[in-house]
Amino acid sequence: MFMLERNEEAKAYFELAEAILECELGPQHERTLTARKNIDKIKKTDLGIVPVYRPLWRTAFPKPHPSSKKKKKKKKGKKK
């Protein structure tokens, strides 16, 4: 998860792993210390990333300056 930049999930999994390893292996075991080191690495990264949401709908706004050009009608006549 950390390599995929899914930092919040990675932090949760590392904390869970550290708690389990500490209960089963003890606080000074090599794997427990590795999990704790990974948690410290995650805490150093920027977790303040705010997701960008797309708008649910779009609002149509009128043109600020409507075009005032009108096409002239062509008169039908005979060619000379």
Protein backbone atom coordinates (compact mmCIF):
# COMPACT_ATOMS: atom_id res chain seq x y z
CA MET A 1 0.00 0.00 0.00
CA PHE A 2 2.84 2.38 0.78
CA MET A 3 4.41 1.83 -2.64
CA LEU A 4 1.03 2.51 -4.26
CA GLU A 5 0.88 5.82 -2.34
CA ARG A 6 -2.18 4.66 -0.40
CA ASN A 7 -0.66 6.04 2.78
CA GLU A 8 -3.70 6.01 5.07
CA GLU A 9 -4.32 2.32 4.41
CA ALA A 10 -0.64 1.50 4.74
CA LYS A 11 -0.48 3.26 8.10
CA ALA A 12 -3.49 1.31 9.38
CA TYR A 13 -2.03 -2.03 8.26
CA PHE A 14 1.40 -1.25 9.74
CA GLU A 15 -0.16 -0.30 13.09
CA LEU A 16 -2.20 -3.50 13.11
CA ALA A 17 0.87 -5.57 12.22
CA GLU A 18 2.95 -3.91 14.91
CA ALA A 19 0.31 -4.59 17.57
CA ILE A 20 0.06 -8.26 16.60
CA LEU A 21 3.83 -8.73 16.39
CA GLU A 22 4.36 -7.03 19.74
CA CYS A 23 1.84 -9.35 21.42
CA GLU A 24 3.19 -12.50 19.80
CA LEU A 25 6.94 -11.87 19.51
CA GLY A 26 7.65 -9.11 22.01
CA PRO A 27 8.59 -5.43 21.69
CA GLN A 28 12.30 -6.06 20.96
CA HIS A 29 11.87 -8.63 18.19
CA GLU A 30 13.36 -7.81 14.78
CA ARG A 31 10.05 -7.91 12.91
CA THR A 32 8.29 -5.77 15.53
CA LEU A 33 11.03 -3.17 15.22
CA THR A 34 10.71 -3.26 11.40
CA ALA A 35 6.97 -2.63 11.63
CA ARG A 36 7.61 0.27 14.02
CA LYS A 37 10.22 1.69 11.62
CA ASN A 38 7.70 1.49 8.76
CA ILE A 39 5.15 3.37 10.85
CA ASP A 40 7.72 6.12 11.44
CA LYS A 41 8.40 6.24 7.69
CA ILE A 42 4.69 6.67 6.98
CA LYS A 43 4.38 9.46 9.56
CA LYS A 44 7.12 11.41 7.76
CA THR A 45 5.19 11.39 4.48
CA ASP A 46 2.57 13.99 3.71
CA LEU A 47 -0.81 12.52 4.66
CA GLY A 48 -2.64 15.81 4.20
CA ILE A 49 -3.57 15.10 0.60
CA VAL A 50 -7.18 16.07 -0.05
CA PRO A 51 -8.96 14.07 -2.75
CA VAL A 52 -10.41 15.96 -5.70
CA TYR A 53 -14.09 15.31 -6.34
CA ARG A 54 -15.81 15.87 -9.64
CA PRO A 55 -18.92 18.06 -9.56
CA LEU A 56 -22.18 16.12 -9.49
CA TRP A 57 -23.79 18.36 -12.09
CA ARG A 58 -22.87 21.27 -14.28
CA THR A 59 -24.69 24.57 -14.33
CA ALA A 60 -25.20 26.33 -17.63
CA PHE A 61 -24.48 30.04 -17.54
CA PRO A 62 -25.72 32.47 -20.20
CA LYS A 63 -23.09 34.06 -22.40
CA PRO A 64 -21.90 37.36 -20.92
CA HIS A 65 -22.01 39.10 -24.32
CA PRO A 66 -24.50 37.59 -26.72
CA SER A 67 -23.46 37.93 -30.31
CA SER A 68 -25.33 40.76 -31.98
CA LYS A 69 -24.27 39.98 -35.53
CA LYS A 70 -27.22 39.22 -37.73
CA LYS A 71 -26.93 37.67 -41.13
CA LYS A 72 -28.28 39.67 -44.03
CA LYS A 73 -30.82 37.98 -46.20
CA LYS A 74 -29.85 37.60 -49.82
CA LYS A 75 -32.31 38.91 -52.34
CA LYS A 76 -33.16 36.65 -55.17
CA GLY A 77 -32.87 38.34 -58.45
CA LYS A 78 -31.96 37.83 -62.06
CA LYS A 79 -28.38 37.63 -63.11
CA LYS A 80 -27.24 40.04 -65.77
